[in-house]
Structures are given as C-alpha cells and as structure tokens.
Full PDB file with SEQRES, HELIX, SHEET, SSBOND, CRYST1, ORIGX, SCALE, CONECT and MASTER records, all heavy atoms in Angstrom:
SEQRES   1 A   30  PHE ALA ALA LEU PHE LEU VAL LEU ALA PHE PHE GLN ALA          
SEQRES   2 A   30  ALA ALA ILE TRP ILE LEU LEU LYS ALA GLU PHE LEU ALA          
SEQRES   3 A   30  ILE ALA LEU VAL                                              
HELIX    1 AA1 ALA A    2  LEU A   19  1                                  18    
HELIX    2 AA2 GLU A   23  LEU A   29  1                                   7    
CRYST1    1.000    1.000    1.000  90.00  90.00  90.00 P 1           1          
ORIGX1      1.000000  0.000000  0.000000        0.00000                         
ORIGX2      0.000000  1.000000  0.000000        0.00000                         
ORIGX3      0.000000  0.000000  1.000000        0.00000                         
SCALE1      1.000000  0.000000  0.000000        0.00000                         
SCALE2      0.000000  1.000000  0.000000        0.00000                         
SCALE3      0.000000  0.000000  1.000000        0.00000                         
ATOM      1  N   PHE A   1     131.547 -41.961 182.232  1.00  0.00           N  
ATOM      2  CA  PHE A   1     132.283 -42.450 181.088  1.00  0.00           C  
ATOM      3  C   PHE A   1     133.752 -42.046 181.161  1.00  0.00           C  
ATOM      4  O   PHE A   1     134.569 -42.947 180.800  1.00  0.00           O  
ATOM      5  CB  PHE A   1     131.687 -42.017 179.777  1.00  0.00           C  
ATOM      6  CG  PHE A   1     130.193 -42.521 179.553  1.00  0.00           C  
ATOM      7  CD1 PHE A   1     129.452 -41.911 178.615  1.00  0.00           C  
ATOM      8  CD2 PHE A   1     129.793 -43.559 180.240  1.00  0.00           C  
ATOM      9  CE1 PHE A   1     128.038 -42.455 178.438  1.00  0.00           C  
ATOM     10  CE2 PHE A   1     128.498 -44.126 180.055  1.00  0.00           C  
ATOM     11  CZ  PHE A   1     127.627 -43.530 179.108  1.00  0.00           C  
ATOM     12  N   ALA A   2     134.045 -40.852 181.718  1.00  0.00           N  
ATOM     13  CA  ALA A   2     135.538 -40.503 181.784  1.00  0.00           C  
ATOM     14  C   ALA A   2     136.152 -41.363 182.707  1.00  0.00           C  
ATOM     15  O   ALA A   2     137.321 -41.841 182.478  1.00  0.00           O  
ATOM     16  CB  ALA A   2     135.496 -39.022 182.160  1.00  0.00           C  
ATOM     17  N   ALA A   3     135.579 -41.692 183.908  1.00  0.00           N  
ATOM     18  CA  ALA A   3     136.105 -42.552 184.809  1.00  0.00           C  
ATOM     19  C   ALA A   3     136.340 -44.020 184.277  1.00  0.00           C  
ATOM     20  O   ALA A   3     137.268 -44.631 184.497  1.00  0.00           O  
ATOM     21  CB  ALA A   3     135.314 -42.633 186.056  1.00  0.00           C  
ATOM     22  N   LEU A   4     135.408 -44.462 183.500  1.00  0.00           N  
ATOM     23  CA  LEU A   4     135.472 -45.827 182.969  1.00  0.00           C  
ATOM     24  C   LEU A   4     136.639 -45.877 181.904  1.00  0.00           C  
ATOM     25  O   LEU A   4     137.220 -46.872 181.782  1.00  0.00           O  
ATOM     26  CB  LEU A   4     134.163 -46.252 182.287  1.00  0.00           C  
ATOM     27  CG  LEU A   4     133.051 -46.492 183.259  1.00  0.00           C  
ATOM     28  CD1 LEU A   4     131.737 -46.738 182.508  1.00  0.00           C  
ATOM     29  CD2 LEU A   4     133.316 -47.621 184.282  1.00  0.00           C  
ATOM     30  N   PHE A   5     136.769 -44.786 181.105  1.00  0.00           N  
ATOM     31  CA  PHE A   5     137.887 -44.801 180.191  1.00  0.00           C  
ATOM     32  C   PHE A   5     139.275 -44.670 180.932  1.00  0.00           C  
ATOM     33  O   PHE A   5     140.251 -45.229 180.397  1.00  0.00           O  
ATOM     34  CB  PHE A   5     137.724 -43.576 179.260  1.00  0.00           C  
ATOM     35  CG  PHE A   5     136.934 -43.855 178.069  1.00  0.00           C  
ATOM     36  CD1 PHE A   5     135.697 -43.115 177.916  1.00  0.00           C  
ATOM     37  CD2 PHE A   5     137.230 -44.694 176.981  1.00  0.00           C  
ATOM     38  CE1 PHE A   5     134.809 -43.337 176.839  1.00  0.00           C  
ATOM     39  CE2 PHE A   5     136.388 -44.968 175.987  1.00  0.00           C  
ATOM     40  CZ  PHE A   5     135.215 -44.292 175.854  1.00  0.00           C  
ATOM     41  N   LEU A   6     139.243 -44.107 182.021  1.00  0.00           N  
ATOM     42  CA  LEU A   6     140.442 -44.065 182.882  1.00  0.00           C  
ATOM     43  C   LEU A   6     140.761 -45.528 183.467  1.00  0.00           C  
ATOM     44  O   LEU A   6     141.987 -45.824 183.413  1.00  0.00           O  
ATOM     45  CB  LEU A   6     140.319 -43.106 184.141  1.00  0.00           C  
ATOM     46  CG  LEU A   6     141.510 -42.871 184.912  1.00  0.00           C  
ATOM     47  CD1 LEU A   6     142.689 -42.290 184.034  1.00  0.00           C  
ATOM     48  CD2 LEU A   6     141.253 -41.822 185.963  1.00  0.00           C  
ATOM     49  N   VAL A   7     139.767 -46.218 183.696  1.00  0.00           N  
ATOM     50  CA  VAL A   7     139.973 -47.678 184.024  1.00  0.00           C  
ATOM     51  C   VAL A   7     140.590 -48.419 182.880  1.00  0.00           C  
ATOM     52  O   VAL A   7     141.578 -49.271 183.137  1.00  0.00           O  
ATOM     53  CB  VAL A   7     138.690 -48.286 184.532  1.00  0.00           C  
ATOM     54  CG1 VAL A   7     138.815 -49.766 184.688  1.00  0.00           C  
ATOM     55  CG2 VAL A   7     138.159 -47.641 185.792  1.00  0.00           C  
ATOM     56  N   LEU A   8     140.115 -48.140 181.667  1.00  0.00           N  
ATOM     57  CA  LEU A   8     140.704 -48.783 180.488  1.00  0.00           C  
ATOM     58  C   LEU A   8     142.095 -48.411 180.282  1.00  0.00           C  
ATOM     59  O   LEU A   8     143.007 -49.242 179.955  1.00  0.00           O  
ATOM     60  CB  LEU A   8     139.853 -48.423 179.293  1.00  0.00           C  
ATOM     61  CG  LEU A   8     140.365 -49.029 177.905  1.00  0.00           C  
ATOM     62  CD1 LEU A   8     140.339 -50.562 177.913  1.00  0.00           C  
ATOM     63  CD2 LEU A   8     139.501 -48.452 176.806  1.00  0.00           C  
ATOM     64  N   ALA A   9     142.456 -47.225 180.544  1.00  0.00           N  
ATOM     65  CA  ALA A   9     143.768 -46.694 180.440  1.00  0.00           C  
ATOM     66  C   ALA A   9     144.724 -47.356 181.476  1.00  0.00           C  
ATOM     67  O   ALA A   9     145.840 -47.752 181.191  1.00  0.00           O  
ATOM     68  CB  ALA A   9     143.857 -45.115 180.591  1.00  0.00           C  
ATOM     69  N   PHE A  10     144.279 -47.545 182.685  1.00  0.00           N  
ATOM     70  CA  PHE A  10     144.974 -48.149 183.645  1.00  0.00           C  
ATOM     71  C   PHE A  10     145.291 -49.655 183.254  1.00  0.00           C  
ATOM     72  O   PHE A  10     146.428 -50.184 183.403  1.00  0.00           O  
ATOM     73  CB  PHE A  10     144.293 -48.228 184.998  1.00  0.00           C  
ATOM     74  CG  PHE A  10     144.333 -46.916 185.787  1.00  0.00           C  
ATOM     75  CD1 PHE A  10     143.396 -46.473 186.565  1.00  0.00           C  
ATOM     76  CD2 PHE A  10     145.497 -46.116 185.536  1.00  0.00           C  
ATOM     77  CE1 PHE A  10     143.418 -45.313 187.229  1.00  0.00           C  
ATOM     78  CE2 PHE A  10     145.538 -44.871 186.155  1.00  0.00           C  
ATOM     79  CZ  PHE A  10     144.498 -44.471 187.023  1.00  0.00           C  
ATOM     80  N   PHE A  11     144.386 -50.446 182.687  1.00  0.00           N  
ATOM     81  CA  PHE A  11     144.543 -51.739 182.231  1.00  0.00           C  
ATOM     82  C   PHE A  11     145.599 -51.754 181.134  1.00  0.00           C  
ATOM     83  O   PHE A  11     146.473 -52.717 181.141  1.00  0.00           O  
ATOM     84  CB  PHE A  11     143.254 -52.287 181.783  1.00  0.00           C  
ATOM     85  CG  PHE A  11     142.400 -53.001 182.904  1.00  0.00           C  
ATOM     86  CD1 PHE A  11     141.202 -52.424 183.153  1.00  0.00           C  
ATOM     87  CD2 PHE A  11     142.859 -54.104 183.444  1.00  0.00           C  
ATOM     88  CE1 PHE A  11     140.443 -53.045 184.192  1.00  0.00           C  
ATOM     89  CE2 PHE A  11     142.130 -54.683 184.473  1.00  0.00           C  
ATOM     90  CZ  PHE A  11     140.926 -54.149 184.850  1.00  0.00           C  
ATOM     91  N   GLN A  12     145.555 -50.870 180.217  1.00  0.00           N  
ATOM     92  CA  GLN A  12     146.624 -50.863 179.146  1.00  0.00           C  
ATOM     93  C   GLN A  12     148.000 -50.581 179.708  1.00  0.00           C  
ATOM     94  O   GLN A  12     148.975 -51.165 179.203  1.00  0.00           O  
ATOM     95  CB  GLN A  12     146.150 -49.817 178.037  1.00  0.00           C  
ATOM     96  CG  GLN A  12     144.806 -50.046 177.472  1.00  0.00           C  
ATOM     97  CD  GLN A  12     144.542 -51.433 177.027  1.00  0.00           C  
ATOM     98  OE1 GLN A  12     145.394 -52.053 176.329  1.00  0.00           O  
ATOM     99  NE2 GLN A  12     143.351 -52.050 177.388  1.00  0.00           N  
ATOM    100  N   ALA A  13     148.052 -49.679 180.636  1.00  0.00           N  
ATOM    101  CA  ALA A  13     149.304 -49.415 181.213  1.00  0.00           C  
ATOM    102  C   ALA A  13     149.849 -50.576 182.025  1.00  0.00           C  
ATOM    103  O   ALA A  13     151.065 -50.909 181.984  1.00  0.00           O  
ATOM    104  CB  ALA A  13     149.256 -48.208 182.229  1.00  0.00           C  
ATOM    105  N   ALA A  14     148.982 -51.362 182.682  1.00  0.00           N  
ATOM    106  CA  ALA A  14     149.357 -52.600 183.325  1.00  0.00           C  
ATOM    107  C   ALA A  14     149.891 -53.603 182.316  1.00  0.00           C  
ATOM    108  O   ALA A  14     150.828 -54.294 182.556  1.00  0.00           O  
ATOM    109  CB  ALA A  14     148.207 -53.188 184.098  1.00  0.00           C  
ATOM    110  N   ALA A  15     149.253 -53.665 181.165  1.00  0.00           N  
ATOM    111  CA  ALA A  15     149.673 -54.659 180.144  1.00  0.00           C  
ATOM    112  C   ALA A  15     151.175 -54.287 179.581  1.00  0.00           C  
ATOM    113  O   ALA A  15     151.922 -55.169 179.428  1.00  0.00           O  
ATOM    114  CB  ALA A  15     148.710 -54.592 178.930  1.00  0.00           C  
ATOM    115  N   ILE A  16     151.384 -52.944 179.495  1.00  0.00           N  
ATOM    116  CA  ILE A  16     152.718 -52.549 179.069  1.00  0.00           C  
ATOM    117  C   ILE A  16     153.767 -52.892 180.134  1.00  0.00           C  
ATOM    118  O   ILE A  16     154.865 -53.228 179.849  1.00  0.00           O  
ATOM    119  CB  ILE A  16     152.695 -51.070 178.804  1.00  0.00           C  
ATOM    120  CG1 ILE A  16     151.820 -50.739 177.544  1.00  0.00           C  
ATOM    121  CG2 ILE A  16     154.097 -50.520 178.450  1.00  0.00           C  
ATOM    122  CD1 ILE A  16     151.702 -49.288 177.168  1.00  0.00           C  
ATOM    123  N   TRP A  17     153.370 -52.740 181.391  1.00  0.00           N  
ATOM    124  CA  TRP A  17     154.245 -53.143 182.530  1.00  0.00           C  
ATOM    125  C   TRP A  17     154.595 -54.639 182.348  1.00  0.00           C  
ATOM    126  O   TRP A  17     155.740 -55.071 182.643  1.00  0.00           O  
ATOM    127  CB  TRP A  17     153.619 -52.866 183.898  1.00  0.00           C  
ATOM    128  CG  TRP A  17     153.765 -51.408 184.270  1.00  0.00           C  
ATOM    129  CD1 TRP A  17     152.715 -50.429 184.530  1.00  0.00           C  
ATOM    130  CD2 TRP A  17     154.962 -50.693 184.612  1.00  0.00           C  
ATOM    131  NE1 TRP A  17     153.203 -49.282 184.974  1.00  0.00           N  
ATOM    132  CE2 TRP A  17     154.602 -49.373 185.000  1.00  0.00           C  
ATOM    133  CE3 TRP A  17     156.364 -50.973 184.569  1.00  0.00           C  
ATOM    134  CZ2 TRP A  17     155.521 -48.428 185.271  1.00  0.00           C  
ATOM    135  CZ3 TRP A  17     157.266 -50.007 184.931  1.00  0.00           C  
ATOM    136  CH2 TRP A  17     156.767 -48.791 185.186  1.00  0.00           C  
ATOM    137  N   ILE A  18     153.630 -55.429 182.082  1.00  0.00           N  
ATOM    138  CA  ILE A  18     153.856 -56.872 181.976  1.00  0.00           C  
ATOM    139  C   ILE A  18     154.824 -57.154 180.857  1.00  0.00           C  
ATOM    140  O   ILE A  18     155.787 -58.049 180.930  1.00  0.00           O  
ATOM    141  CB  ILE A  18     152.559 -57.593 181.882  1.00  0.00           C  
ATOM    142  CG1 ILE A  18     151.739 -57.559 183.068  1.00  0.00           C  
ATOM    143  CG2 ILE A  18     152.748 -59.060 181.415  1.00  0.00           C  
ATOM    144  CD1 ILE A  18     150.390 -58.193 182.939  1.00  0.00           C  
ATOM    145  N   LEU A  19     154.725 -56.429 179.679  1.00  0.00           N  
ATOM    146  CA  LEU A  19     155.630 -56.582 178.585  1.00  0.00           C  
ATOM    147  C   LEU A  19     157.026 -56.239 179.056  1.00  0.00           C  
ATOM    148  O   LEU A  19     158.080 -56.798 178.538  1.00  0.00           O  
ATOM    149  CB  LEU A  19     155.197 -55.824 177.429  1.00  0.00           C  
ATOM    150  CG  LEU A  19     153.971 -56.175 176.690  1.00  0.00           C  
ATOM    151  CD1 LEU A  19     153.694 -55.224 175.523  1.00  0.00           C  
ATOM    152  CD2 LEU A  19     154.133 -57.609 176.223  1.00  0.00           C  
ATOM    153  N   LEU A  20     157.155 -55.250 179.918  1.00  0.00           N  
ATOM    154  CA  LEU A  20     158.525 -54.862 180.475  1.00  0.00           C  
ATOM    155  C   LEU A  20     159.042 -55.728 181.574  1.00  0.00           C  
ATOM    156  O   LEU A  20     160.020 -55.445 182.223  1.00  0.00           O  
ATOM    157  CB  LEU A  20     158.417 -53.404 180.926  1.00  0.00           C  
ATOM    158  CG  LEU A  20     158.204 -52.356 179.818  1.00  0.00           C  
ATOM    159  CD1 LEU A  20     158.007 -50.968 180.489  1.00  0.00           C  
ATOM    160  CD2 LEU A  20     159.236 -52.400 178.716  1.00  0.00           C  
ATOM    161  N   LYS A  21     158.310 -56.791 181.908  1.00  0.00           N  
ATOM    162  CA  LYS A  21     158.623 -57.876 182.900  1.00  0.00           C  
ATOM    163  C   LYS A  21     158.642 -57.264 184.272  1.00  0.00           C  
ATOM    164  O   LYS A  21     159.409 -57.527 185.184  1.00  0.00           O  
ATOM    165  CB  LYS A  21     159.985 -58.396 182.643  1.00  0.00           C  
ATOM    166  CG  LYS A  21     160.163 -59.226 181.395  1.00  0.00           C  
ATOM    167  CD  LYS A  21     161.506 -59.840 181.167  1.00  0.00           C  
ATOM    168  CE  LYS A  21     161.502 -60.653 179.908  1.00  0.00           C  
ATOM    169  NZ  LYS A  21     162.877 -61.292 179.642  1.00  0.00           N  
ATOM    170  N   ALA A  22     157.740 -56.306 184.506  1.00  0.00           N  
ATOM    171  CA  ALA A  22     157.476 -55.705 185.833  1.00  0.00           C  
ATOM    172  C   ALA A  22     156.064 -56.112 186.254  1.00  0.00           C  
ATOM    173  O   ALA A  22     155.134 -55.383 186.313  1.00  0.00           O  
ATOM    174  CB  ALA A  22     157.562 -54.237 185.793  1.00  0.00           C  
ATOM    175  N   GLU A  23     155.973 -57.396 186.644  1.00  0.00           N  
ATOM    176  CA  GLU A  23     154.669 -58.024 186.926  1.00  0.00           C  
ATOM    177  C   GLU A  23     154.075 -57.398 188.231  1.00  0.00           C  
ATOM    178  O   GLU A  23     152.851 -57.270 188.346  1.00  0.00           O  
ATOM    179  CB  GLU A  23     154.827 -59.507 187.110  1.00  0.00           C  
ATOM    180  CG  GLU A  23     155.262 -60.269 185.875  1.00  0.00           C  
ATOM    181  CD  GLU A  23     156.765 -60.388 185.723  1.00  0.00           C  
ATOM    182  OE1 GLU A  23     157.454 -59.775 186.634  1.00  0.00           O  
ATOM    183  OE2 GLU A  23     157.303 -60.777 184.720  1.00  0.00           O  
ATOM    184  N   PHE A  24     154.959 -57.207 189.200  1.00  0.00           N  
ATOM    185  CA  PHE A  24     154.431 -56.539 190.464  1.00  0.00           C  
ATOM    186  C   PHE A  24     153.848 -55.143 190.217  1.00  0.00           C  
ATOM    187  O   PHE A  24     152.735 -54.877 190.774  1.00  0.00           O  
ATOM    188  CB  PHE A  24     155.568 -56.512 191.498  1.00  0.00           C  
ATOM    189  CG  PHE A  24     155.120 -55.795 192.809  1.00  0.00           C  
ATOM    190  CD1 PHE A  24     154.422 -56.600 193.756  1.00  0.00           C  
ATOM    191  CD2 PHE A  24     155.432 -54.540 193.046  1.00  0.00           C  
ATOM    192  CE1 PHE A  24     154.010 -56.031 194.897  1.00  0.00           C  
ATOM    193  CE2 PHE A  24     155.069 -53.978 194.223  1.00  0.00           C  
ATOM    194  CZ  PHE A  24     154.376 -54.618 195.151  1.00  0.00           C  
ATOM    195  N   LEU A  25     154.413 -54.353 189.432  1.00  0.00           N  
ATOM    196  CA  LEU A  25     153.920 -53.059 189.213  1.00  0.00           C  
ATOM    197  C   LEU A  25     152.529 -53.157 188.429  1.00  0.00           C  
ATOM    198  O   LEU A  25     151.597 -52.414 188.760  1.00  0.00           O  
ATOM    199  CB  LEU A  25     154.902 -52.208 188.372  1.00  0.00           C  
ATOM    200  CG  LEU A  25     156.144 -51.808 189.142  1.00  0.00           C  
ATOM    201  CD1 LEU A  25     157.034 -50.989 188.186  1.00  0.00           C  
ATOM    202  CD2 LEU A  25     155.818 -51.009 190.416  1.00  0.00           C  
ATOM    203  N   ALA A  26     152.470 -54.118 187.547  1.00  0.00           N  
ATOM    204  CA  ALA A  26     151.238 -54.358 186.740  1.00  0.00           C  
ATOM    205  C   ALA A  26     150.083 -54.715 187.677  1.00  0.00           C  
ATOM    206  O   ALA A  26     148.944 -54.225 187.578  1.00  0.00           O  
ATOM    207  CB  ALA A  26     151.438 -55.337 185.650  1.00  0.00           C  
ATOM    208  N   ILE A  27     150.345 -55.725 188.597  1.00  0.00           N  
ATOM    209  CA  ILE A  27     149.355 -56.181 189.501  1.00  0.00           C  
ATOM    210  C   ILE A  27     148.967 -55.165 190.410  1.00  0.00           C  
ATOM    211  O   ILE A  27     147.749 -54.864 190.808  1.00  0.00           O  
ATOM    212  CB  ILE A  27     149.824 -57.482 190.254  1.00  0.00           C  
ATOM    213  CG1 ILE A  27     149.981 -58.564 189.171  1.00  0.00           C  
ATOM    214  CG2 ILE A  27     148.776 -57.980 191.234  1.00  0.00           C  
ATOM    215  CD1 ILE A  27     148.734 -59.028 188.416  1.00  0.00           C  
ATOM    216  N   ALA A  28     149.907 -54.384 190.909  1.00  0.00           N  
ATOM    217  CA  ALA A  28     149.666 -53.287 191.894  1.00  0.00           C  
ATOM    218  C   ALA A  28     148.814 -52.165 191.244  1.00  0.00           C  
ATOM    219  O   ALA A  28     147.836 -51.674 191.848  1.00  0.00           O  
ATOM    220  CB  ALA A  28     150.923 -52.749 192.440  1.00  0.00           C  
ATOM    221  N   LEU A  29     149.068 -51.868 190.043  1.00  0.00           N  
ATOM    222  CA  LEU A  29     148.296 -50.926 189.298  1.00  0.00           C  
ATOM    223  C   LEU A  29     146.831 -51.311 189.176  1.00  0.00           C  
ATOM    224  O   LEU A  29     145.920 -50.509 189.384  1.00  0.00           O  
ATOM    225  CB  LEU A  29     149.003 -50.644 187.909  1.00  0.00           C  
ATOM    226  CG  LEU A  29     148.268 -49.542 187.063  1.00  0.00           C  
ATOM    227  CD1 LEU A  29     148.362 -48.264 187.722  1.00  0.00           C  
ATOM    228  CD2 LEU A  29     148.809 -49.548 185.650  1.00  0.00           C  
ATOM    229  N   VAL A  30     146.609 -52.619 188.849  1.00  0.00           N  
ATOM    230  CA  VAL A  30     145.230 -53.118 188.676  1.00  0.00           C  
ATOM    231  C   VAL A  30     144.500 -53.107 190.042  1.00  0.00           C  
ATOM    232  O   VAL A  30     143.382 -52.720 190.184  1.00  0.00           O  
ATOM    233  CB  VAL A  30     145.215 -54.472 188.003  1.00  0.00           C  
ATOM    234  CG1 VAL A  30     143.861 -55.107 188.044  1.00  0.00           C  
ATOM    235  CG2 VAL A  30     145.716 -54.409 186.600  1.00  0.00           C  
TER     236      VAL A  30                                                      
MASTER        0    0    0    2    0    0    0    6  235    1    0    3          
END                                                                             
C-alpha cells in the first residue's frame, strides 16, 4: 500500500509539472 500511495504521489507531481508547462518532465516522471 505504501508503494501504491507513492505511485499516486508521482501522478500528482506530474500533474503539477503540467500546470507549470513542463510537459516533458511530467511524461518522464510517469
């Protein structure tokens, strides 16, 4: 469950990268 919550944290960080117009970093993170 801790690993799955870490996956959720990565997705939210990728969404914030997209808001900052850093699409490449968001896709690379995912």
